[in-house]
Amino acid sequence: VKVRNRITDRLTQLTEDEKQILRYYFSKKTRANYLRVDDGTVQGLASAGIIYRSAKIGDIIDGFAYNIGDIAWDYLHAHPQLLEGQTDIYRT
């Protein structure tokens, strides 16, 4: 319950950059995205437990596979307005 609450609370405070990353999962109807491991926004989402690196194989140019966690996936499907922001773009 603590983990779920921590993640759902964090999802209500997303920055525009974080929303752009998370929008990709929903616009493509996928649980996986390739993101750069050296991106601070990516690492922030990962440390919050919203996404996680799902493969050890990847590279600096194309990135690593990051999956969206079940709690974040379900919560954002129930509250899609949390991904609304200043833009409607998404990023990989």
Protein backbone atom coordinates (compact mmCIF):
# COMPACT_ATOMS: atom_id res chain seq x y z
CA VAL A 1 0.00 0.00 0.00
CA LYS A 2 2.84 2.41 0.80
CA VAL A 3 4.49 1.79 -2.57
CA ARG A 4 1.20 2.26 -4.43
CA ASN A 5 0.48 5.52 -2.58
CA ARG A 6 3.99 6.83 -3.19
CA ILE A 7 3.73 6.12 -6.92
CA THR A 8 0.20 7.50 -7.34
CA ASP A 9 1.11 10.65 -5.38
CA ARG A 10 4.15 11.13 -7.63
CA LEU A 11 1.99 10.71 -10.76
CA THR A 12 -0.06 13.75 -9.70
CA GLN A 13 3.11 15.89 -9.74
CA LEU A 14 4.58 15.08 -13.15
CA THR A 15 6.66 17.63 -15.02
CA GLU A 16 6.01 18.27 -18.71
CA ASP A 17 9.17 16.28 -19.64
CA GLU A 18 7.95 13.32 -17.59
CA LYS A 19 4.50 13.51 -19.19
CA GLN A 20 6.11 13.42 -22.64
CA ILE A 21 7.90 10.18 -21.79
CA LEU A 22 4.81 8.58 -20.28
CA ARG A 23 2.55 9.67 -23.16
CA TYR A 24 4.56 7.42 -25.46
CA TYR A 25 3.41 4.29 -23.65
CA PHE A 26 -0.24 5.27 -24.09
CA SER A 27 -0.10 6.65 -27.61
CA LYS A 28 1.60 3.47 -28.84
CA LYS A 29 -0.41 1.16 -26.55
CA THR A 30 2.79 -0.48 -25.35
CA ARG A 31 4.42 -1.19 -22.03
CA ALA A 32 7.97 -0.70 -23.40
CA ASN A 33 9.98 2.29 -24.58
CA TYR A 34 13.66 2.77 -25.43
CA LEU A 35 15.12 5.61 -23.41
CA ARG A 36 18.58 6.96 -22.73
CA VAL A 37 20.07 5.78 -19.49
CA ASP A 38 21.90 9.11 -19.06
CA ASP A 39 18.69 11.17 -19.18
CA GLY A 40 17.88 12.73 -15.82
CA THR A 41 14.14 12.70 -16.46
CA VAL A 42 14.26 8.97 -17.22
CA GLN A 43 16.24 8.33 -14.05
CA GLY A 44 13.77 10.39 -12.01
CA LEU A 45 10.83 8.30 -13.26
CA ALA A 46 12.79 5.12 -12.60
CA SER A 47 13.77 6.13 -9.07
CA ALA A 48 10.12 6.93 -8.35
CA GLY A 49 9.15 3.40 -9.41
CA ILE A 50 7.03 4.60 -12.33
CA ILE A 51 9.22 2.98 -14.99
CA TYR A 52 12.01 0.45 -14.73
CA ARG A 53 14.85 -0.73 -16.94
CA SER A 54 13.69 -4.09 -18.23
CA ALA A 55 16.82 -5.19 -20.08
CA LYS A 56 20.52 -5.03 -19.38
CA ILE A 57 21.30 -4.98 -23.07
CA GLY A 58 21.19 -1.60 -24.76
CA ASP A 59 23.50 1.19 -25.78
CA ILE A 60 24.11 4.85 -25.24
CA ILE A 61 22.81 5.84 -28.70
CA ASP A 62 19.59 3.81 -28.99
CA GLY A 63 18.95 3.56 -25.27
CA PHE A 64 17.72 0.78 -23.04
CA ALA A 65 14.29 -0.80 -22.76
CA TYR A 66 12.23 0.76 -19.98
CA ASN A 67 8.83 -0.64 -19.08
CA ILE A 68 6.08 1.20 -17.27
CA GLY A 69 5.14 -0.40 -13.97
CA ASP A 70 1.74 -1.96 -13.35
CA ILE A 71 0.72 0.59 -10.73
CA ALA A 72 1.53 3.55 -12.99
CA TRP A 73 -0.05 1.88 -16.05
CA ASP A 74 -3.32 1.19 -14.24
CA TYR A 75 -3.46 4.56 -12.47
CA LEU A 76 -2.79 6.57 -15.63
CA HIS A 77 -5.42 4.60 -17.53
CA ALA A 78 -7.89 5.50 -14.78
CA HIS A 79 -6.71 9.15 -14.71
CA PRO A 80 -5.58 10.07 -18.25
CA GLN A 81 -5.92 13.77 -17.47
CA LEU A 82 -2.64 13.48 -15.53
CA LEU A 83 -0.81 13.29 -18.88
CA GLU A 84 -2.35 16.51 -20.18
CA GLY A 85 0.13 19.34 -20.27
CA GLN A 86 1.61 22.21 -22.21
CA THR A 87 2.18 20.02 -25.27
CA ASP A 88 0.73 16.85 -26.74
CA ILE A 89 4.03 15.41 -27.91
CA TYR A 90 5.69 12.26 -26.63
CA ARG A 91 9.28 11.17 -26.66
CA THR A 92 11.26 8.01 -26.83
